Amino acid sequence: MPISLVATCDLRQTQAEAYKEKFGAKAAYTDYRTMIQREKLDAVVICVGFDQKGRPLYPQLAIECMRLGVHVFIEKPPAATAAEVAE
């Protein structure tokens, strides 16, 4: 099944636009909630860093995206603790 990159998202508009151009997306956003609602996405790929303690930033984002009804692809590990994984 082919995958179509519909939109990119970054907190900085200039970066979101740069990713859009680089990867050939149709739209760029600074708010992932708005992006998911407007684009009617099937899935998102979350690529973010880690906090100052080395804990991944994506678990809470992934939970919110799944609650918005989209599948989520994330890096490993899925969370910093077993409790976060269960959530």
N, C-alpha and C. Protein backbone atom coordinates (compact mmCIF):
# COMPACT_ATOMS: atom_id res chain seq x y z
N MET A 1 0.83 -1.17 0.00
CA MET A 1 0.00 0.00 0.00
C MET A 1 0.89 1.24 0.00
N PRO A 2 0.69 2.14 -0.94
CA PRO A 2 1.52 3.36 -0.99
C PRO A 2 1.19 4.30 0.17
N ILE A 3 2.19 5.05 0.56
CA ILE A 3 2.02 6.04 1.62
C ILE A 3 2.15 7.42 0.99
N SER A 4 1.27 8.31 1.40
CA SER A 4 1.30 9.68 0.91
C SER A 4 1.56 10.61 2.08
N LEU A 5 2.63 11.40 1.99
CA LEU A 5 2.92 12.38 3.02
C LEU A 5 2.03 13.59 2.79
N VAL A 6 1.06 13.77 3.65
CA VAL A 6 0.06 14.81 3.48
C VAL A 6 0.52 16.13 4.08
N ALA A 7 1.12 16.08 5.27
CA ALA A 7 1.47 17.31 5.96
C ALA A 7 2.66 17.10 6.88
N THR A 8 3.31 18.21 7.22
CA THR A 8 4.39 18.21 8.19
C THR A 8 3.99 19.13 9.33
N CYS A 9 4.65 18.96 10.47
CA CYS A 9 4.32 19.79 11.63
C CYS A 9 5.57 20.05 12.45
N ASP A 10 5.74 21.29 12.85
CA ASP A 10 6.82 21.70 13.74
C ASP A 10 6.33 22.92 14.49
N LEU A 11 6.79 23.12 15.70
CA LEU A 11 6.38 24.29 16.47
C LEU A 11 6.79 25.60 15.77
N ARG A 12 7.84 25.53 14.97
CA ARG A 12 8.31 26.71 14.22
C ARG A 12 7.79 26.63 12.79
N GLN A 13 7.04 27.63 12.36
CA GLN A 13 6.44 27.63 11.03
C GLN A 13 7.49 27.49 9.94
N THR A 14 8.61 28.18 10.08
CA THR A 14 9.65 28.11 9.04
C THR A 14 10.18 26.69 8.90
N GLN A 15 10.31 25.99 10.01
CA GLN A 15 10.80 24.60 9.96
C GLN A 15 9.74 23.69 9.36
N ALA A 16 8.48 23.89 9.74
CA ALA A 16 7.39 23.08 9.17
C ALA A 16 7.34 23.26 7.66
N GLU A 17 7.49 24.49 7.19
CA GLU A 17 7.50 24.77 5.75
C GLU A 17 8.71 24.14 5.07
N ALA A 18 9.86 24.19 5.72
CA ALA A 18 11.07 23.59 5.15
C ALA A 18 10.91 22.08 4.99
N TYR A 19 10.34 21.42 6.00
CA TYR A 19 10.09 19.98 5.91
C TYR A 19 9.08 19.68 4.80
N LYS A 20 8.06 20.50 4.70
CA LYS A 20 7.06 20.34 3.64
C LYS A 20 7.72 20.34 2.27
N GLU A 21 8.56 21.32 2.04
CA GLU A 21 9.25 21.43 0.75
C GLU A 21 10.22 20.27 0.53
N LYS A 22 11.00 19.96 1.56
CA LYS A 22 12.02 18.92 1.43
C LYS A 22 11.42 17.54 1.15
N PHE A 23 10.29 17.23 1.80
CA PHE A 23 9.72 15.89 1.69
C PHE A 23 8.49 15.80 0.80
N GLY A 24 8.08 16.93 0.22
CA GLY A 24 6.99 16.91 -0.75
C GLY A 24 5.59 16.80 -0.17
N ALA A 25 5.39 17.32 1.04
CA ALA A 25 4.05 17.31 1.64
C ALA A 25 3.20 18.41 1.02
N LYS A 26 1.91 18.30 1.21
CA LYS A 26 0.98 19.29 0.66
C LYS A 26 0.75 20.47 1.59
N ALA A 27 0.93 20.29 2.91
CA ALA A 27 0.64 21.34 3.88
C ALA A 27 1.64 21.30 5.02
N ALA A 28 1.73 22.42 5.75
CA ALA A 28 2.61 22.53 6.91
C ALA A 28 1.83 23.15 8.06
N TYR A 29 2.06 22.64 9.27
CA TYR A 29 1.34 23.10 10.45
C TYR A 29 2.29 23.33 11.61
N THR A 30 1.83 24.13 12.58
CA THR A 30 2.56 24.31 13.83
C THR A 30 1.82 23.67 15.00
N ASP A 31 0.64 23.12 14.75
CA ASP A 31 -0.14 22.45 15.79
C ASP A 31 -0.62 21.10 15.25
N TYR A 32 -0.16 20.02 15.87
CA TYR A 32 -0.50 18.69 15.36
C TYR A 32 -1.99 18.38 15.50
N ARG A 33 -2.64 18.94 16.51
CA ARG A 33 -4.07 18.70 16.67
C ARG A 33 -4.85 19.26 15.48
N THR A 34 -4.52 20.46 15.10
CA THR A 34 -5.15 21.10 13.94
C THR A 34 -4.85 20.30 12.68
N MET A 35 -3.60 19.87 12.53
CA MET A 35 -3.21 19.09 11.36
C MET A 35 -4.04 17.81 11.25
N ILE A 36 -4.19 17.09 12.35
CA ILE A 36 -4.94 15.84 12.33
C ILE A 36 -6.41 16.09 12.00
N GLN A 37 -6.99 17.11 12.58
CA GLN A 37 -8.40 17.41 12.33
C GLN A 37 -8.65 17.87 10.90
N ARG A 38 -7.82 18.76 10.40
CA ARG A 38 -8.04 19.30 9.06
C ARG A 38 -7.72 18.31 7.95
N GLU A 39 -6.70 17.51 8.14
CA GLU A 39 -6.23 16.63 7.07
C GLU A 39 -6.87 15.25 7.10
N LYS A 40 -7.61 14.92 8.13
CA LYS A 40 -8.26 13.60 8.23
C LYS A 40 -7.23 12.48 8.03
N LEU A 41 -6.17 12.52 8.80
CA LEU A 41 -5.05 11.59 8.65
C LEU A 41 -5.37 10.19 9.16
N ASP A 42 -4.74 9.19 8.56
CA ASP A 42 -4.83 7.81 9.03
C ASP A 42 -3.77 7.54 10.09
N ALA A 43 -2.59 8.18 9.94
CA ALA A 43 -1.47 7.92 10.84
C ALA A 43 -0.52 9.11 10.85
N VAL A 44 0.29 9.16 11.91
CA VAL A 44 1.35 10.17 12.01
C VAL A 44 2.65 9.48 12.38
N VAL A 45 3.75 10.08 11.99
CA VAL A 45 5.09 9.66 12.39
C VAL A 45 5.60 10.75 13.32
N ILE A 46 5.95 10.39 14.54
CA ILE A 46 6.42 11.38 15.50
C ILE A 46 7.93 11.26 15.64
N CYS A 47 8.63 12.34 15.30
CA CYS A 47 10.09 12.40 15.40
C CYS A 47 10.46 13.62 16.23
N VAL A 48 10.67 13.41 17.51
CA VAL A 48 11.06 14.50 18.40
C VAL A 48 12.21 14.00 19.26
N GLY A 49 12.77 14.89 20.04
CA GLY A 49 13.94 14.55 20.85
C GLY A 49 13.60 14.07 22.25
N PHE A 50 14.50 14.41 23.15
CA PHE A 50 14.42 13.97 24.53
C PHE A 50 14.47 15.18 25.46
N ASP A 51 13.96 15.03 26.68
CA ASP A 51 14.01 16.14 27.62
C ASP A 51 15.39 16.22 28.26
N GLN A 52 15.56 17.13 29.22
CA GLN A 52 16.86 17.35 29.86
C GLN A 52 17.35 16.15 30.67
N LYS A 53 16.42 15.26 31.04
CA LYS A 53 16.79 14.06 31.79
C LYS A 53 17.01 12.86 30.87
N GLY A 54 16.91 13.08 29.55
CA GLY A 54 17.10 11.99 28.60
C GLY A 54 15.87 11.15 28.34
N ARG A 55 14.72 11.61 28.80
CA ARG A 55 13.47 10.88 28.60
C ARG A 55 12.85 11.31 27.28
N PRO A 56 12.29 10.36 26.52
CA PRO A 56 11.69 10.71 25.23
C PRO A 56 10.49 11.63 25.40
N LEU A 57 10.35 12.59 24.48
CA LEU A 57 9.24 13.53 24.51
C LEU A 57 7.98 13.01 23.82
N TYR A 58 8.11 11.95 23.04
CA TYR A 58 6.99 11.51 22.21
C TYR A 58 5.88 10.71 22.90
N PRO A 59 6.06 10.09 24.07
CA PRO A 59 4.95 9.30 24.62
C PRO A 59 3.64 10.08 24.78
N GLN A 60 3.69 11.26 25.37
CA GLN A 60 2.45 12.02 25.57
C GLN A 60 1.87 12.45 24.23
N LEU A 61 2.73 12.83 23.29
CA LEU A 61 2.25 13.20 21.95
C LEU A 61 1.55 12.01 21.30
N ALA A 62 2.16 10.83 21.43
CA ALA A 62 1.57 9.63 20.83
C ALA A 62 0.20 9.32 21.43
N ILE A 63 0.09 9.44 22.74
CA ILE A 63 -1.19 9.19 23.41
C ILE A 63 -2.26 10.15 22.89
N GLU A 64 -1.91 11.43 22.81
CA GLU A 64 -2.87 12.42 22.34
C GLU A 64 -3.29 12.15 20.89
N CYS A 65 -2.33 11.78 20.05
CA CYS A 65 -2.65 11.49 18.65
C CYS A 65 -3.57 10.27 18.54
N MET A 66 -3.29 9.24 19.33
CA MET A 66 -4.15 8.06 19.29
C MET A 66 -5.55 8.39 19.78
N ARG A 67 -5.65 9.26 20.77
CA ARG A 67 -6.97 9.68 21.24
C ARG A 67 -7.71 10.49 20.18
N LEU A 68 -6.97 11.12 19.28
CA LEU A 68 -7.59 11.84 18.17
C LEU A 68 -7.93 10.91 17.01
N GLY A 69 -7.62 9.62 17.17
CA GLY A 69 -8.05 8.63 16.20
C GLY A 69 -7.09 8.26 15.09
N VAL A 70 -5.80 8.57 15.27
CA VAL A 70 -4.83 8.20 14.24
C VAL A 70 -3.83 7.18 14.78
N HIS A 71 -3.35 6.34 13.88
CA HIS A 71 -2.27 5.41 14.23
C HIS A 71 -1.00 6.23 14.40
N VAL A 72 -0.06 5.70 15.21
CA VAL A 72 1.16 6.44 15.51
C VAL A 72 2.38 5.54 15.31
N PHE A 73 3.37 6.07 14.63
CA PHE A 73 4.67 5.42 14.49
C PHE A 73 5.67 6.25 15.28
N ILE A 74 6.40 5.61 16.21
CA ILE A 74 7.37 6.31 17.04
C ILE A 74 8.69 5.55 17.05
N GLU A 75 9.69 6.21 17.61
CA GLU A 75 11.00 5.60 17.77
C GLU A 75 10.99 4.64 18.96
N LYS A 76 12.07 3.91 19.12
CA LYS A 76 12.25 3.06 20.29
C LYS A 76 13.13 3.82 21.28
N PRO A 77 12.97 3.66 22.54
CA PRO A 77 11.94 2.91 23.25
C PRO A 77 10.61 3.63 23.18
N PRO A 78 9.51 2.92 23.38
CA PRO A 78 8.19 3.56 23.28
C PRO A 78 7.93 4.57 24.40
N ALA A 79 8.64 4.47 25.51
CA ALA A 79 8.50 5.41 26.64
C ALA A 79 9.66 5.22 27.59
N ALA A 80 9.72 6.07 28.60
CA ALA A 80 10.83 6.00 29.56
C ALA A 80 10.59 4.98 30.66
N THR A 81 9.32 4.67 30.94
CA THR A 81 8.99 3.71 32.01
C THR A 81 7.93 2.73 31.55
N ALA A 82 7.82 1.63 32.27
CA ALA A 82 6.78 0.64 31.95
C ALA A 82 5.39 1.23 32.14
N ALA A 83 5.23 2.09 33.13
CA ALA A 83 3.92 2.73 33.36
C ALA A 83 3.52 3.60 32.16
N GLU A 84 4.48 4.32 31.60
CA GLU A 84 4.19 5.13 30.42
C GLU A 84 3.82 4.26 29.23
N VAL A 85 4.45 3.12 29.09
CA VAL A 85 4.12 2.20 28.00
C VAL A 85 2.69 1.72 28.17
N ALA A 86 2.31 1.37 29.38
CA ALA A 86 0.94 0.88 29.63
C ALA A 86 -0.09 1.95 29.33
N GLU A 87 0.24 3.20 29.61
CA GLU A 87 -0.69 4.29 29.33
C GLU A 87 -0.92 4.43 27.85
